[in-house]
Amino acid sequence: MSPHSLPLSFNPAGIELDRRQGLTRQLYEALRQRVLDGRLVSGTRLPASRDLAAALAISRNSVVRAYDQLYAEGFIEGRVGDGTYVAQLPTPKKLSTKPSTGLPTGLSPGLSTNWLNLPVNASGGLIHRPALGRVENHHLPPPPAGPPKAFRVGIPAFDLFPFDVWAKLNGAFWRKPDLQQLCYGDPAGDGRLRGLIAAYLRSSRGMQCTPEQIMITSGAQQAISLCAQLLVEPGDGVALEDPGYRAAGHAFALAGGRLHGVPVDSDGIDCQALNRLSDCRVAYVTPSHQYPLGVVMSLARRLELLAWAERSNGWVIEDDYDGEYRYSGAPLAPLAALDRSGRVLYVGTFGKVAFPALRLGYLVLPPGLVDAFARRRASMYDTRKSALRR
């Protein structure tokens, strides 16, 4: 064997280990870093575990465990009867150890006008630019930091919540959990919870709905977003109350909808103005307690709105965000309770009667939309279960 065919050897003199921390992890990271930055090239021979342990004055077990991890990740390889070598890597250039942002070189991870104006790269573009532009223009600000304060919108009376009962119920479940509930479940949500919601809506709201029509969501905003994704095509007109709930407008705008503000008077949304919008097939309303004016939509206006939906083959998304709260009397019957043509999608939430961090809402869907919404929601969180079935 000529001198030029001898393998490169590794000198461990440059490795410094802090004995107050895990030696195995430090050694693994030191060797891994040298492979990634090119100091240890492919084919370099590493010392035997006993020799490296002696050179670093550490336990041989620490070296063996570090080598095992590097073996498992493909950084080194063993040759029978010949020792341990740095593996043949796919690219000879130095490998970056910095986490990728998924953006072209020189761009910050934040959304910016400069990024939106860049030409599509050779790989076809990392993000569809119109969609990215909609995110830039229709994102929500972060919620206020710190403890809740008086008159903050959407915050219920935490001091009245029965936390002791909540803790007992949680404790009872976790002491002997139902293992089936810990698995992947129905994309539409737990069947028992949907049954209880259906019974509650029948008794307190007069809604004749079945558990199969109910879909559990991560709060009301996800329910609205699902409606926007499935009912709105880019360029479609969407009618919203003006003034109204801005977050709903953002959801429809992100789906590509063209927003039309429709005035609100003492009876609710102005249906005459709505009828003049020829391109609208979706209307978002808060009839039980208009946000933010607080007016209740009159019966005559509700019937007009339902007639508009049936005549235009459109959809009404009813957000009953706080219909449980009344100064006197029972909660009002929702718009969905009057619907006889399957045109109203009812959005409810428990964030206003419990606490927002619960992130628990629901949709009551017309029967013809149940399957489509279930498939869409399954694609948002249930992919691993589907992959196991293939």
Protein backbone atom coordinates (compact mmCIF):
# COMPACT_ATOMS: atom_id res chain seq x y z
CA MET A 1 0.00 0.00 0.00
CA SER A 2 1.42 3.35 -1.02
CA PRO A 3 1.50 6.25 1.47
CA HIS A 4 -1.12 8.09 -0.60
CA SER A 5 -3.68 5.28 -0.14
CA LEU A 6 -3.51 5.34 3.65
CA PRO A 7 -6.68 6.71 5.28
CA LEU A 8 -6.67 10.09 6.97
CA SER A 9 -6.42 9.89 10.75
CA PHE A 10 -8.24 11.91 13.36
CA ASN A 11 -6.43 13.88 16.03
CA PRO A 12 -8.64 14.37 19.11
CA ALA A 13 -6.41 17.04 20.61
CA GLY A 14 -8.80 19.86 19.72
CA ILE A 15 -11.78 18.41 21.59
CA GLU A 16 -12.42 20.00 24.97
CA LEU A 17 -15.11 18.52 27.23
CA ASP A 18 -16.78 20.15 30.21
CA ARG A 19 -16.91 17.49 32.91
CA ARG A 20 -19.77 19.24 34.64
CA GLN A 21 -22.05 18.29 31.74
CA GLY A 22 -22.89 15.12 29.84
CA LEU A 23 -19.68 13.81 28.27
CA THR A 24 -21.40 11.55 25.73
CA ARG A 25 -23.49 14.35 24.32
CA GLN A 26 -20.53 16.74 24.15
CA LEU A 27 -18.37 14.22 22.32
CA TYR A 28 -21.17 13.34 19.90
CA GLU A 29 -21.77 17.02 19.09
CA ALA A 30 -18.04 17.73 18.70
CA LEU A 31 -17.56 14.89 16.20
CA ARG A 32 -20.81 15.66 14.39
CA GLN A 33 -19.86 19.33 14.03
CA ARG A 34 -16.46 18.41 12.56
CA VAL A 35 -18.10 16.20 9.96
CA LEU A 36 -20.63 18.88 9.00
CA ASP A 37 -18.13 21.71 8.67
CA GLY A 38 -15.59 19.62 6.72
CA ARG A 39 -12.86 19.25 9.32
CA LEU A 40 -13.50 15.50 9.27
CA VAL A 41 -13.79 14.50 5.63
CA SER A 42 -15.26 11.27 4.32
CA GLY A 43 -12.96 8.34 4.81
CA THR A 44 -11.18 9.73 7.87
CA ARG A 45 -10.37 6.95 10.30
CA LEU A 46 -11.48 7.48 13.89
CA PRO A 47 -9.59 6.07 16.88
CA ALA A 48 -10.83 2.93 18.55
CA SER A 49 -13.19 3.70 21.42
CA ARG A 50 -10.62 2.60 24.00
CA ASP A 51 -7.90 4.80 22.49
CA LEU A 52 -10.16 7.87 22.20
CA ALA A 53 -11.32 7.40 25.79
CA ALA A 54 -7.73 7.31 26.97
CA ALA A 55 -6.80 10.40 24.92
CA LEU A 56 -9.71 12.39 26.36
CA ALA A 57 -9.41 10.87 29.86
CA ILE A 58 -13.06 9.82 29.92
CA SER A 59 -14.93 6.55 30.28
CA ARG A 60 -14.91 4.21 27.29
CA ASN A 61 -18.69 3.85 27.70
CA SER A 62 -19.09 7.56 26.94
CA VAL A 63 -17.17 7.12 23.69
CA VAL A 64 -19.12 3.98 22.74
CA ARG A 65 -22.45 5.75 23.26
CA ALA A 66 -21.30 8.76 21.20
CA TYR A 67 -20.12 6.46 18.40
CA ASP A 68 -23.41 4.54 18.51
CA GLN A 69 -25.38 7.75 18.02
CA LEU A 70 -23.17 8.80 15.12
CA TYR A 71 -23.58 5.33 13.59
CA ALA A 72 -27.36 5.57 13.91
CA GLU A 73 -27.45 8.96 12.19
CA GLY A 74 -25.13 7.89 9.37
CA PHE A 75 -22.15 10.11 10.20
CA ILE A 76 -19.72 7.23 10.67
CA GLU A 77 -19.48 3.64 9.48
CA GLY A 78 -17.66 0.54 10.61
CA ARG A 79 -15.51 -1.60 8.35
CA VAL A 80 -15.20 -5.18 9.54
CA GLY A 81 -11.72 -5.80 10.84
CA ASP A 82 -10.55 -2.35 9.86
CA GLY A 83 -12.01 0.17 12.32
CA THR A 84 -14.38 3.15 12.26
CA TYR A 85 -14.46 5.78 9.49
CA VAL A 86 -16.32 8.96 8.62
CA ALA A 87 -19.10 7.91 6.24
CA GLN A 88 -19.26 8.87 2.59
CA LEU A 89 -21.48 11.95 2.56
CA PRO A 90 -23.65 12.78 -0.49
CA THR A 91 -22.07 16.21 -1.11
CA PRO A 92 -18.42 17.14 -0.75
CA LYS A 93 -19.16 20.76 0.16
CA LYS A 94 -19.48 21.95 3.71
CA LEU A 95 -22.90 21.29 5.17
CA SER A 96 -24.70 24.13 6.93
CA THR A 97 -25.55 23.54 10.57
CA LYS A 98 -27.93 26.50 10.75
CA PRO A 99 -31.67 25.81 10.79
CA SER A 100 -33.37 26.61 7.49
CA THR A 101 -36.01 29.35 7.33
CA GLY A 102 -37.49 27.96 4.13
CA LEU A 103 -36.86 31.33 2.41
CA PRO A 104 -34.35 32.25 -0.32
CA THR A 105 -30.90 33.39 0.83
CA GLY A 106 -30.79 36.91 2.19
CA LEU A 107 -34.44 37.09 3.24
CA SER A 108 -35.64 37.35 6.78
CA PRO A 109 -38.40 34.98 7.95
CA GLY A 110 -40.81 37.89 8.37
CA LEU A 111 -43.33 38.75 5.67
CA SER A 112 -42.40 41.80 3.66
CA THR A 113 -43.32 43.67 0.51
CA ASN A 114 -39.87 42.94 -0.94
CA TRP A 115 -40.47 39.23 -0.60
CA LEU A 116 -43.89 39.51 -2.27
CA ASN A 117 -42.33 41.24 -5.29
CA LEU A 118 -39.59 38.68 -5.84
CA PRO A 119 -39.81 36.55 -9.01
CA VAL A 120 -40.61 32.88 -8.58
CA ASN A 121 -37.41 30.91 -8.13
CA ALA A 122 -36.27 27.98 -10.23
CA SER A 123 -37.96 25.46 -7.96
CA GLY A 124 -41.35 27.05 -8.58
CA GLY A 125 -41.49 29.29 -5.51
CA LEU A 126 -41.64 28.33 -1.86
CA ILE A 127 -44.96 29.97 -1.07
CA HIS A 128 -47.76 30.94 -3.44
CA ARG A 129 -47.36 34.70 -3.58
CA PRO A 130 -51.02 35.76 -3.69
CA ALA A 131 -51.72 33.65 -0.61
CA LEU A 132 -48.71 35.14 1.16
CA GLY A 133 -49.90 38.62 0.27
CA ARG A 134 -53.29 37.90 1.82
CA VAL A 135 -51.57 36.80 5.03
CA GLU A 136 -49.56 40.02 5.06
CA ASN A 137 -52.68 42.15 4.72
CA HIS A 138 -55.10 40.13 6.85
CA HIS A 139 -53.30 38.84 9.91
CA LEU A 140 -54.53 39.30 13.46
CA PRO A 141 -52.53 41.12 16.12
CA PRO A 142 -51.39 39.07 19.12
CA PRO A 143 -53.74 39.11 22.11
CA PRO A 144 -52.96 41.55 24.94
CA ALA A 145 -50.35 40.29 27.36
CA GLY A 146 -50.79 40.03 31.10
CA PRO A 147 -53.72 39.13 33.33
CA PRO A 148 -57.28 39.96 32.21
CA LYS A 149 -58.52 43.46 32.89
CA ALA A 150 -61.97 45.02 33.08
CA PHE A 151 -63.86 45.56 29.82
CA ARG A 152 -61.51 43.39 27.77
CA VAL A 153 -63.51 41.90 24.89
CA GLY A 154 -64.17 38.16 24.92
CA ILE A 155 -63.07 37.50 28.53
CA PRO A 156 -65.71 35.92 30.81
CA ALA A 157 -65.89 36.19 34.60
CA PHE A 158 -63.09 33.83 35.65
CA ASP A 159 -63.94 34.32 39.32
CA LEU A 160 -67.32 32.67 38.75
CA PHE A 161 -66.00 29.59 37.00
CA PRO A 162 -66.29 26.38 39.14
CA PHE A 163 -62.62 25.44 39.06
CA ASP A 164 -63.03 23.01 41.96
CA VAL A 165 -65.62 20.99 40.03
CA TRP A 166 -63.44 21.19 36.91
CA ALA A 167 -60.46 19.82 38.84
CA LYS A 168 -62.50 16.94 40.28
CA LEU A 169 -63.79 15.94 36.85
CA ASN A 170 -60.31 16.06 35.38
CA GLY A 171 -58.90 14.07 38.26
CA ALA A 172 -61.58 11.42 37.96
CA PHE A 173 -60.78 10.91 34.28
CA TRP A 174 -57.00 10.75 34.62
CA ARG A 175 -57.10 8.35 37.55
CA LYS A 176 -58.67 5.77 35.25
CA PRO A 177 -58.60 7.13 31.69
CA ASP A 178 -60.57 5.63 28.86
CA LEU A 179 -57.74 4.54 26.56
CA GLN A 180 -59.93 4.83 23.49
CA GLN A 181 -60.18 8.58 24.07
CA LEU A 182 -56.38 8.84 23.97
CA CYS A 183 -56.26 7.53 20.38
CA TYR A 184 -56.99 9.28 17.10
CA GLY A 185 -60.70 9.95 17.03
CA ASP A 186 -63.39 11.01 14.64
CA PRO A 187 -62.24 14.12 12.69
CA ALA A 188 -65.60 15.70 13.54
CA GLY A 189 -64.93 15.33 17.27
CA ASP A 190 -65.84 13.04 20.15
CA GLY A 191 -69.23 11.45 19.55
CA ARG A 192 -70.42 11.83 23.13
CA LEU A 193 -69.55 15.53 23.22
CA ARG A 194 -71.36 16.10 19.93
CA GLY A 195 -74.39 14.29 21.32
CA LEU A 196 -74.42 16.46 24.42
CA ILE A 197 -74.12 19.64 22.34
CA ALA A 198 -76.99 18.54 20.11
CA ALA A 199 -79.17 17.86 23.16
CA TYR A 200 -78.23 21.24 24.66
CA LEU A 201 -79.07 23.09 21.44
CA ARG A 202 -82.41 21.32 21.13
CA SER A 203 -83.45 22.17 24.69
CA SER A 204 -82.05 25.70 25.02
CA ARG A 205 -82.11 26.97 21.43
CA GLY A 206 -84.90 25.04 19.75
CA MET A 207 -82.54 23.74 17.08
CA GLN A 208 -83.55 20.38 15.61
CA CYS A 209 -80.08 19.05 14.88
CA THR A 210 -78.44 15.65 15.20
CA PRO A 211 -74.99 14.83 16.62
CA GLU A 212 -73.87 13.93 13.09
CA GLN A 213 -74.39 17.57 12.02
CA ILE A 214 -72.01 18.86 14.69
CA MET A 215 -68.28 19.31 14.20
CA ILE A 216 -65.98 20.15 17.11
CA THR A 217 -63.43 22.86 16.33
CA SER A 218 -60.53 24.58 18.06
CA GLY A 219 -62.60 27.61 18.92
CA ALA A 220 -65.03 29.70 16.89
CA GLN A 221 -62.29 31.20 14.72
CA GLN A 222 -61.34 27.79 13.33
CA ALA A 223 -65.00 27.13 12.59
CA ILE A 224 -65.21 30.41 10.65
CA SER A 225 -61.97 29.61 8.83
CA LEU A 226 -63.30 26.20 7.80
CA CYS A 227 -66.39 27.87 6.37
CA ALA A 228 -64.20 30.31 4.46
CA GLN A 229 -62.00 27.55 3.05
CA LEU A 230 -64.87 25.42 1.82
CA LEU A 231 -67.51 27.96 0.79
CA VAL A 232 -65.39 30.73 -0.75
CA GLU A 233 -63.41 30.63 -3.97
CA PRO A 234 -60.83 33.35 -4.72
CA GLY A 235 -62.73 36.34 -6.07
CA ASP A 236 -66.09 35.44 -4.52
CA GLY A 237 -67.97 38.19 -2.76
CA VAL A 238 -68.55 37.84 0.99
CA ALA A 239 -71.01 40.05 2.89
CA LEU A 240 -70.07 41.10 6.41
CA GLU A 241 -71.81 43.32 8.91
CA ASP A 242 -70.43 46.86 9.00
CA PRO A 243 -69.32 47.46 11.68
CA GLY A 244 -68.55 43.86 12.45
CA TYR A 245 -66.12 41.24 13.69
CA ARG A 246 -62.77 41.92 12.03
CA ALA A 247 -61.31 38.47 12.65
CA ALA A 248 -64.07 36.90 10.56
CA GLY A 249 -63.26 39.29 7.74
CA HIS A 250 -59.61 38.25 7.88
CA ALA A 251 -60.58 34.58 7.59
CA PHE A 252 -62.64 35.20 4.45
CA ALA A 253 -60.00 37.47 2.95
CA LEU A 254 -57.33 34.81 3.49
CA ALA A 255 -59.51 32.43 1.47
CA GLY A 256 -59.48 34.96 -1.38
CA GLY A 257 -62.93 36.43 -0.81
CA ARG A 258 -63.77 40.01 -1.75
CA LEU A 259 -65.28 41.61 1.33
CA HIS A 260 -68.40 43.76 1.17
CA GLY A 261 -69.42 45.66 4.28
CA VAL A 262 -73.21 45.75 4.68
CA PRO A 263 -74.68 48.39 7.05
CA VAL A 264 -76.34 47.40 10.32
CA ASP A 265 -79.35 49.22 11.74
CA SER A 266 -81.56 48.64 14.78
CA ASP A 267 -82.99 45.48 13.17
CA GLY A 268 -79.67 43.95 12.15
CA ILE A 269 -77.99 43.62 8.77
CA ASP A 270 -79.61 45.65 5.97
CA CYS A 271 -81.00 42.98 3.64
CA GLN A 272 -81.90 45.52 0.94
CA ALA A 273 -78.23 46.48 0.69
CA LEU A 274 -77.33 42.79 0.69
CA ASN A 275 -79.70 42.13 -2.21
CA ARG A 276 -77.89 44.75 -4.29
CA LEU A 277 -74.65 42.74 -4.11
CA SER A 278 -74.94 40.49 -7.14
CA ASP A 279 -71.71 38.53 -6.57
CA CYS A 280 -72.24 37.49 -2.92
CA ARG A 281 -73.01 33.91 -2.02
CA VAL A 282 -71.86 34.01 1.62
CA ALA A 283 -73.02 36.29 4.43
CA TYR A 284 -71.51 36.33 7.93
CA VAL A 285 -73.82 37.63 10.69
CA THR A 286 -74.11 37.81 14.49
CA PRO A 287 -77.92 37.96 14.87
CA SER A 288 -78.35 37.14 18.57
CA HIS A 289 -76.09 39.95 19.74
CA GLN A 290 -74.55 41.93 16.90
CA TYR A 291 -70.85 42.54 17.31
CA PRO A 292 -70.04 45.26 18.28
CA LEU A 293 -73.32 47.24 18.37
CA GLY A 294 -75.26 44.70 20.43
CA VAL A 295 -78.54 44.88 18.49
CA VAL A 296 -80.73 41.80 18.09
CA MET A 297 -81.77 40.93 14.54
CA SER A 298 -85.53 41.21 14.19
CA LEU A 299 -87.67 38.29 13.09
CA ALA A 300 -88.62 40.06 9.86
CA ARG A 301 -84.95 40.68 9.03
CA ARG A 302 -84.07 37.04 9.81
CA LEU A 303 -86.73 35.82 7.41
CA GLU A 304 -85.45 38.23 4.76
CA LEU A 305 -81.93 36.92 5.20
CA LEU A 306 -83.04 33.30 4.89
CA ALA A 307 -85.00 34.19 1.77
CA TRP A 308 -81.88 35.82 0.30
CA ALA A 309 -79.84 32.67 0.94
CA GLU A 310 -82.43 30.42 -0.68
CA ARG A 311 -82.96 32.75 -3.64
CA SER A 312 -79.25 33.26 -4.33
CA ASN A 313 -78.24 29.68 -3.55
CA GLY A 314 -75.99 31.19 -0.88
CA TRP A 315 -74.88 30.45 2.65
CA VAL A 316 -75.38 32.26 5.94
CA ILE A 317 -72.75 31.80 8.64
CA GLU A 318 -74.34 32.56 12.00
CA ASP A 319 -71.86 33.31 14.78
CA ASP A 320 -73.64 32.92 18.12
CA TYR A 321 -70.57 33.91 20.10
CA ASP A 322 -72.34 34.83 23.36
CA GLY A 323 -75.99 33.90 22.90
CA GLU A 324 -76.08 32.25 26.34
CA TYR A 325 -75.89 35.62 28.07
CA ARG A 326 -79.26 37.29 28.73
CA TYR A 327 -80.31 39.82 31.36
CA SER A 328 -83.67 38.10 31.59
CA GLY A 329 -85.47 35.18 29.99
CA ALA A 330 -84.14 32.24 28.05
CA PRO A 331 -81.53 32.60 25.27
CA LEU A 332 -82.97 33.64 21.94
CA ALA A 333 -83.65 31.03 19.28
CA PRO A 334 -80.91 31.30 16.66
CA LEU A 335 -81.33 31.99 12.98
CA ALA A 336 -80.49 28.35 12.30
CA ALA A 337 -83.65 27.27 14.14
CA LEU A 338 -85.71 29.02 11.43
CA ASP A 339 -83.75 27.54 8.54
CA ARG A 340 -85.78 25.05 6.49
CA SER A 341 -83.63 24.93 3.35
CA GLY A 342 -80.24 23.95 4.85
CA ARG A 343 -78.53 27.27 4.21
CA VAL A 344 -77.30 28.27 7.69
CA LEU A 345 -74.02 27.17 9.27
CA TYR A 346 -74.15 27.80 13.01
CA VAL A 347 -70.94 28.66 14.90
CA GLY A 348 -70.82 28.26 18.68
CA THR A 349 -68.10 28.44 21.29
CA PHE A 350 -67.51 27.56 24.92
CA GLY A 351 -64.81 30.19 25.26
CA LYS A 352 -67.29 32.78 26.53
CA VAL A 353 -68.95 30.58 29.15
CA ALA A 354 -65.77 28.80 30.35
CA PHE A 355 -62.46 30.39 29.33
CA PRO A 356 -60.88 31.22 25.94
CA ALA A 357 -57.80 29.02 26.47
CA LEU A 358 -60.11 26.01 26.31
CA ARG A 359 -60.12 26.54 22.52
CA LEU A 360 -63.36 24.61 22.14
CA GLY A 361 -66.00 25.55 19.61
CA TYR A 362 -68.36 23.80 17.26
CA LEU A 363 -70.15 24.02 13.94
CA VAL A 364 -73.70 22.88 13.25
CA LEU A 365 -73.75 22.03 9.54
CA PRO A 366 -76.52 21.46 7.03
CA PRO A 367 -76.61 17.70 6.34
CA GLY A 368 -75.29 18.14 2.81
CA LEU A 369 -72.04 19.72 4.05
CA VAL A 370 -71.14 17.28 6.83
CA ASP A 371 -68.93 14.93 4.78
CA ALA A 372 -66.99 17.70 3.04
CA PHE A 373 -66.24 19.52 6.29
CA ALA A 374 -65.21 16.28 8.02
CA ARG A 375 -62.76 15.46 5.22
CA ARG A 376 -61.33 18.97 5.29
CA ARG A 377 -60.81 18.94 9.03
CA ALA A 378 -59.28 15.45 8.88
CA SER A 379 -56.59 16.79 6.56
CA MET A 380 -55.69 19.42 9.17
CA TYR A 381 -54.73 17.08 11.99
CA ASP A 382 -55.37 13.41 11.25
CA THR A 383 -52.77 12.61 8.59
CA ARG A 384 -50.75 10.13 10.66
CA LYS A 385 -53.75 7.91 11.24
CA SER A 386 -54.53 7.96 7.53
CA ALA A 387 -50.93 7.09 6.68
CA LEU A 388 -51.02 4.07 8.97
CA ARG A 389 -54.06 2.77 7.15
CA ARG A 390 -52.43 2.89 3.70
